[in-house]
Amino acid sequence: MFHTASRCTLHAEVYVRSQVLVRLEYGRGTRCVWESDLVMEISDWDEQLMAYRAERHIEVRFPFPHLKNEATLVNIKEMEGNTIIQKRTLVSYDEAFKREWRHFYECVVHDR
């Protein structure tokens, strides 16, 4: 186990190439699983954050960073009585690549 001031790493593995799996515990019974991998042989993009609680599940799906005008999505599933309600929200069309170029422009113009 690895300890920091606010969390405890219960388990961590690094596999061949770039696969990483980590289980963390935050406070009383709150856990986080971090999984990442970079697979260059597959042209699919899957970047997401998910949070699960008894009353709702939240998923944030990020678009491929160089795909122009693709939206970041937030999906929420929650119970309303005996019915599962699914909500899908388009959060932003401002892609990361465009923000990087804006930042670069600001650095050049303002000599930062």
N, C-alpha and C. Protein backbone atom coordinates (compact mmCIF):
# COMPACT_ATOMS: atom_id res chain seq x y z
N MET A 1 0.83 -1.18 0.00
CA MET A 1 0.00 0.00 0.00
C MET A 1 0.88 1.24 0.00
N PHE A 2 0.43 2.25 -0.75
CA PHE A 2 1.09 3.55 -0.78
C PHE A 2 0.15 4.55 -0.16
N HIS A 3 0.66 5.41 0.72
CA HIS A 3 -0.19 6.37 1.43
C HIS A 3 0.21 7.79 1.07
N THR A 4 -0.81 8.66 0.94
CA THR A 4 -0.60 10.10 0.91
C THR A 4 -1.53 10.68 1.95
N ALA A 5 -1.57 11.99 2.06
CA ALA A 5 -2.38 12.62 3.09
C ALA A 5 -3.87 12.30 2.95
N SER A 6 -4.38 12.18 1.73
CA SER A 6 -5.82 12.03 1.57
C SER A 6 -6.26 10.72 0.92
N ARG A 7 -5.34 9.88 0.50
CA ARG A 7 -5.76 8.64 -0.15
C ARG A 7 -4.77 7.52 0.12
N CYS A 8 -5.21 6.32 -0.14
CA CYS A 8 -4.38 5.15 0.04
C CYS A 8 -4.48 4.31 -1.23
N THR A 9 -3.35 3.96 -1.82
CA THR A 9 -3.35 3.11 -3.00
C THR A 9 -3.43 1.67 -2.53
N LEU A 10 -4.52 1.00 -2.89
CA LEU A 10 -4.72 -0.37 -2.50
C LEU A 10 -3.98 -1.34 -3.41
N HIS A 11 -3.90 -0.95 -4.70
CA HIS A 11 -3.31 -1.87 -5.67
C HIS A 11 -2.90 -1.06 -6.90
N ALA A 12 -1.76 -1.39 -7.46
CA ALA A 12 -1.31 -0.74 -8.71
C ALA A 12 -0.54 -1.76 -9.54
N GLU A 13 -0.84 -1.77 -10.83
CA GLU A 13 -0.15 -2.66 -11.77
C GLU A 13 0.18 -1.89 -13.03
N VAL A 14 1.37 -2.12 -13.57
CA VAL A 14 1.75 -1.61 -14.87
C VAL A 14 2.07 -2.81 -15.73
N TYR A 15 1.35 -2.92 -16.85
CA TYR A 15 1.52 -4.06 -17.74
C TYR A 15 2.47 -3.69 -18.87
N VAL A 16 2.69 -4.65 -19.74
CA VAL A 16 3.52 -4.43 -20.92
C VAL A 16 2.96 -3.24 -21.69
N ARG A 17 3.81 -2.49 -22.32
CA ARG A 17 3.47 -1.27 -23.06
C ARG A 17 3.04 -0.19 -22.09
N SER A 18 1.80 0.24 -22.18
CA SER A 18 1.38 1.41 -21.40
C SER A 18 0.11 1.17 -20.60
N GLN A 19 -0.20 -0.07 -20.29
CA GLN A 19 -1.41 -0.37 -19.54
C GLN A 19 -1.19 -0.16 -18.05
N VAL A 20 -2.09 0.61 -17.42
CA VAL A 20 -1.98 0.91 -15.99
C VAL A 20 -3.33 0.67 -15.34
N LEU A 21 -3.31 0.03 -14.18
CA LEU A 21 -4.51 -0.20 -13.39
C LEU A 21 -4.18 0.12 -11.94
N VAL A 22 -4.97 1.03 -11.34
CA VAL A 22 -4.73 1.45 -9.95
C VAL A 22 -6.06 1.48 -9.22
N ARG A 23 -6.08 0.97 -7.99
CA ARG A 23 -7.25 1.08 -7.11
C ARG A 23 -6.86 1.97 -5.94
N LEU A 24 -7.66 3.02 -5.73
CA LEU A 24 -7.42 3.98 -4.65
C LEU A 24 -8.60 3.99 -3.69
N GLU A 25 -8.33 4.33 -2.45
CA GLU A 25 -9.40 4.52 -1.48
C GLU A 25 -9.32 5.94 -0.95
N TYR A 26 -10.47 6.64 -0.99
CA TYR A 26 -10.57 8.01 -0.48
C TYR A 26 -11.54 8.00 0.68
N GLY A 27 -11.07 8.25 1.86
CA GLY A 27 -11.97 8.32 3.01
C GLY A 27 -12.64 6.99 3.32
N ARG A 28 -13.81 7.07 3.92
CA ARG A 28 -14.53 5.88 4.35
C ARG A 28 -15.32 5.25 3.21
N GLY A 29 -14.81 4.17 2.64
CA GLY A 29 -15.54 3.40 1.66
C GLY A 29 -15.65 4.01 0.27
N THR A 30 -15.02 5.12 0.02
CA THR A 30 -15.04 5.72 -1.32
C THR A 30 -13.83 5.24 -2.07
N ARG A 31 -14.06 4.59 -3.19
CA ARG A 31 -12.96 3.99 -3.95
C ARG A 31 -12.94 4.53 -5.37
N CYS A 32 -11.77 4.45 -5.97
CA CYS A 32 -11.57 4.89 -7.34
C CYS A 32 -10.73 3.84 -8.06
N VAL A 33 -11.12 3.52 -9.28
CA VAL A 33 -10.33 2.63 -10.13
C VAL A 33 -9.88 3.44 -11.32
N TRP A 34 -8.58 3.51 -11.53
CA TRP A 34 -8.00 4.23 -12.67
C TRP A 34 -7.44 3.21 -13.64
N GLU A 35 -7.89 3.27 -14.87
CA GLU A 35 -7.41 2.35 -15.89
C GLU A 35 -7.04 3.17 -17.11
N SER A 36 -5.86 2.94 -17.64
CA SER A 36 -5.47 3.64 -18.86
C SER A 36 -4.62 2.73 -19.72
N ASP A 37 -4.69 3.00 -21.01
CA ASP A 37 -3.92 2.22 -21.98
C ASP A 37 -3.85 3.03 -23.26
N LEU A 38 -2.78 2.90 -23.97
CA LEU A 38 -2.62 3.52 -25.27
C LEU A 38 -2.39 2.39 -26.27
N VAL A 39 -3.37 2.17 -27.13
CA VAL A 39 -3.28 1.11 -28.12
C VAL A 39 -3.18 1.75 -29.50
N MET A 40 -1.99 1.76 -30.05
CA MET A 40 -1.74 2.42 -31.33
C MET A 40 -2.26 1.61 -32.51
N GLU A 41 -2.46 0.32 -32.33
CA GLU A 41 -2.88 -0.54 -33.43
C GLU A 41 -4.38 -0.40 -33.76
N ILE A 42 -5.14 0.20 -32.86
CA ILE A 42 -6.58 0.35 -33.05
C ILE A 42 -6.89 1.84 -33.25
N SER A 43 -7.68 2.14 -34.26
CA SER A 43 -7.96 3.55 -34.56
C SER A 43 -9.16 4.09 -33.80
N ASP A 44 -9.65 3.37 -32.81
CA ASP A 44 -10.77 3.81 -32.00
C ASP A 44 -10.28 4.70 -30.86
N TRP A 45 -11.09 5.67 -30.47
CA TRP A 45 -10.73 6.57 -29.36
C TRP A 45 -11.76 6.40 -28.26
N ASP A 46 -11.30 6.17 -27.04
CA ASP A 46 -12.20 5.99 -25.91
C ASP A 46 -11.58 6.67 -24.70
N GLU A 47 -12.05 7.88 -24.40
CA GLU A 47 -11.59 8.60 -23.22
C GLU A 47 -12.83 9.00 -22.43
N GLN A 48 -12.92 8.50 -21.21
CA GLN A 48 -14.10 8.77 -20.41
C GLN A 48 -13.80 8.72 -18.92
N LEU A 49 -14.63 9.41 -18.16
CA LEU A 49 -14.61 9.35 -16.70
C LEU A 49 -15.99 8.85 -16.28
N MET A 50 -16.03 7.93 -15.32
CA MET A 50 -17.31 7.41 -14.84
C MET A 50 -17.33 7.42 -13.32
N ALA A 51 -18.46 7.76 -12.76
CA ALA A 51 -18.67 7.73 -11.32
C ALA A 51 -19.96 6.99 -11.03
N TYR A 52 -19.91 6.07 -10.08
CA TYR A 52 -21.07 5.25 -9.74
C TYR A 52 -21.44 5.47 -8.28
N ARG A 53 -22.71 5.73 -8.05
CA ARG A 53 -23.28 5.77 -6.71
C ARG A 53 -24.57 4.97 -6.75
N ALA A 54 -25.11 4.67 -5.61
CA ALA A 54 -26.35 3.89 -5.57
C ALA A 54 -27.49 4.59 -6.32
N GLU A 55 -27.56 5.90 -6.20
CA GLU A 55 -28.70 6.62 -6.79
C GLU A 55 -28.48 7.10 -8.22
N ARG A 56 -27.21 7.15 -8.70
CA ARG A 56 -26.98 7.59 -10.08
C ARG A 56 -25.61 7.20 -10.58
N HIS A 57 -25.50 7.07 -11.90
CA HIS A 57 -24.23 6.83 -12.58
C HIS A 57 -23.99 8.02 -13.51
N ILE A 58 -22.78 8.54 -13.50
CA ILE A 58 -22.42 9.68 -14.36
C ILE A 58 -21.22 9.29 -15.20
N GLU A 59 -21.31 9.60 -16.50
CA GLU A 59 -20.23 9.30 -17.43
C GLU A 59 -19.94 10.56 -18.25
N VAL A 60 -18.65 10.93 -18.33
CA VAL A 60 -18.22 12.04 -19.18
C VAL A 60 -17.38 11.42 -20.29
N ARG A 61 -17.80 11.64 -21.55
CA ARG A 61 -17.10 11.07 -22.72
C ARG A 61 -16.47 12.21 -23.51
N PHE A 62 -15.16 12.10 -23.67
CA PHE A 62 -14.41 13.12 -24.39
C PHE A 62 -14.20 12.69 -25.85
N PRO A 63 -14.29 13.63 -26.79
CA PRO A 63 -14.06 13.29 -28.19
C PRO A 63 -12.58 13.16 -28.50
N PHE A 64 -12.28 12.58 -29.64
CA PHE A 64 -10.90 12.52 -30.13
C PHE A 64 -10.36 13.94 -30.19
N PRO A 65 -9.18 14.22 -29.63
CA PRO A 65 -8.70 15.60 -29.48
C PRO A 65 -8.50 16.37 -30.79
N HIS A 66 -8.28 15.69 -31.89
CA HIS A 66 -8.03 16.39 -33.15
C HIS A 66 -9.23 16.37 -34.08
N LEU A 67 -10.38 15.94 -33.59
CA LEU A 67 -11.59 15.90 -34.39
C LEU A 67 -12.33 17.22 -34.21
N LYS A 68 -12.51 17.94 -35.29
CA LYS A 68 -13.08 19.28 -35.23
C LYS A 68 -14.57 19.24 -34.89
N ASN A 69 -14.96 20.12 -33.98
CA ASN A 69 -16.36 20.36 -33.62
C ASN A 69 -17.12 19.14 -33.12
N GLU A 70 -16.45 18.26 -32.42
CA GLU A 70 -17.11 17.12 -31.80
C GLU A 70 -17.38 17.47 -30.33
N ALA A 71 -18.53 17.08 -29.82
CA ALA A 71 -18.95 17.49 -28.48
C ALA A 71 -18.44 16.58 -27.39
N THR A 72 -18.20 17.15 -26.21
CA THR A 72 -18.00 16.39 -24.99
C THR A 72 -19.39 16.09 -24.44
N LEU A 73 -19.63 14.84 -24.07
CA LEU A 73 -20.95 14.40 -23.61
C LEU A 73 -20.94 14.03 -22.14
N VAL A 74 -22.03 14.32 -21.45
CA VAL A 74 -22.25 13.85 -20.09
C VAL A 74 -23.53 13.03 -20.10
N ASN A 75 -23.42 11.77 -19.71
CA ASN A 75 -24.57 10.86 -19.62
C ASN A 75 -24.85 10.57 -18.15
N ILE A 76 -26.10 10.69 -17.76
CA ILE A 76 -26.51 10.43 -16.37
C ILE A 76 -27.63 9.40 -16.39
N LYS A 77 -27.49 8.36 -15.57
CA LYS A 77 -28.55 7.37 -15.36
C LYS A 77 -28.94 7.41 -13.89
N GLU A 78 -30.24 7.57 -13.64
CA GLU A 78 -30.70 7.58 -12.25
C GLU A 78 -32.11 7.03 -12.17
N MET A 79 -32.47 6.59 -10.98
CA MET A 79 -33.79 6.01 -10.76
C MET A 79 -34.79 7.12 -10.43
N GLU A 80 -35.96 6.99 -11.03
CA GLU A 80 -37.09 7.85 -10.67
C GLU A 80 -38.25 6.90 -10.39
N GLY A 81 -38.44 6.59 -9.12
CA GLY A 81 -39.37 5.54 -8.75
C GLY A 81 -38.80 4.19 -9.18
N ASN A 82 -39.53 3.46 -10.01
CA ASN A 82 -39.06 2.18 -10.53
C ASN A 82 -38.53 2.28 -11.96
N THR A 83 -38.31 3.49 -12.43
CA THR A 83 -37.90 3.73 -13.81
C THR A 83 -36.49 4.29 -13.87
N ILE A 84 -35.68 3.77 -14.80
CA ILE A 84 -34.34 4.33 -15.02
C ILE A 84 -34.48 5.49 -16.00
N ILE A 85 -34.03 6.65 -15.59
CA ILE A 85 -34.05 7.84 -16.42
C ILE A 85 -32.62 8.07 -16.94
N GLN A 86 -32.50 8.26 -18.25
CA GLN A 86 -31.20 8.53 -18.86
C GLN A 86 -31.21 9.94 -19.42
N LYS A 87 -30.22 10.73 -19.03
CA LYS A 87 -30.09 12.10 -19.52
C LYS A 87 -28.76 12.22 -20.26
N ARG A 88 -28.80 12.88 -21.40
CA ARG A 88 -27.59 13.09 -22.20
C ARG A 88 -27.44 14.58 -22.44
N THR A 89 -26.29 15.13 -22.05
CA THR A 89 -26.06 16.57 -22.18
C THR A 89 -24.81 16.82 -23.01
N LEU A 90 -24.93 17.67 -24.02
CA LEU A 90 -23.77 18.12 -24.77
C LEU A 90 -23.15 19.27 -23.98
N VAL A 91 -21.94 19.07 -23.49
CA VAL A 91 -21.33 20.04 -22.60
C VAL A 91 -20.58 21.12 -23.36
N SER A 92 -19.78 20.72 -24.34
CA SER A 92 -18.93 21.69 -25.01
C SER A 92 -18.55 21.19 -26.40
N TYR A 93 -18.44 22.13 -27.32
CA TYR A 93 -17.90 21.83 -28.65
C TYR A 93 -16.48 22.38 -28.79
N ASP A 94 -15.94 22.91 -27.71
CA ASP A 94 -14.61 23.52 -27.73
C ASP A 94 -13.57 22.43 -27.53
N GLU A 95 -12.99 21.93 -28.62
CA GLU A 95 -12.07 20.80 -28.54
C GLU A 95 -10.69 21.21 -28.00
N ALA A 96 -9.99 20.24 -27.45
CA ALA A 96 -8.69 20.47 -26.81
C ALA A 96 -7.68 21.06 -27.78
N PHE A 97 -7.65 20.58 -29.01
CA PHE A 97 -6.67 21.06 -29.99
C PHE A 97 -6.85 22.56 -30.24
N LYS A 98 -8.09 23.01 -30.34
CA LYS A 98 -8.35 24.44 -30.54
C LYS A 98 -7.89 25.25 -29.33
N ARG A 99 -8.13 24.74 -28.11
CA ARG A 99 -7.68 25.44 -26.90
C ARG A 99 -6.16 25.52 -26.85
N GLU A 100 -5.48 24.45 -27.28
CA GLU A 100 -4.01 24.47 -27.31
C GLU A 100 -3.51 25.57 -28.24
N TRP A 101 -4.12 25.72 -29.42
CA TRP A 101 -3.70 26.76 -30.37
C TRP A 101 -4.00 28.14 -29.84
N ARG A 102 -5.13 28.32 -29.17
CA ARG A 102 -5.44 29.63 -28.56
C ARG A 102 -4.39 29.98 -27.51
N HIS A 103 -4.04 29.00 -26.69
CA HIS A 103 -3.03 29.25 -25.66
C HIS A 103 -1.68 29.59 -26.29
N PHE A 104 -1.28 28.86 -27.32
CA PHE A 104 -0.04 29.15 -28.04
C PHE A 104 -0.06 30.58 -28.60
N TYR A 105 -1.19 30.97 -29.20
CA TYR A 105 -1.33 32.31 -29.75
C TYR A 105 -1.14 33.37 -28.66
N GLU A 106 -1.81 33.15 -27.50
CA GLU A 106 -1.68 34.10 -26.38
C GLU A 106 -0.24 34.20 -25.89
N CYS A 107 0.47 33.07 -25.86
CA CYS A 107 1.87 33.08 -25.43
C CYS A 107 2.74 33.88 -26.40
N VAL A 108 2.50 33.74 -27.68
CA VAL A 108 3.31 34.46 -28.68
C VAL A 108 2.98 35.95 -28.64
N VAL A 109 1.70 36.28 -28.63
CA VAL A 109 1.27 37.69 -28.68
C VAL A 109 1.68 38.43 -27.42
N HIS A 110 1.60 37.78 -26.27
CA HIS A 110 1.89 38.46 -24.99
C HIS A 110 3.28 38.10 -24.46
N ASP A 111 4.12 37.50 -25.29
CA ASP A 111 5.50 37.19 -24.95
C ASP A 111 5.61 36.45 -23.61
N ARG A 112 4.84 35.37 -23.47
CA ARG A 112 4.88 34.57 -22.25
C ARG A 112 5.68 33.32 -22.48
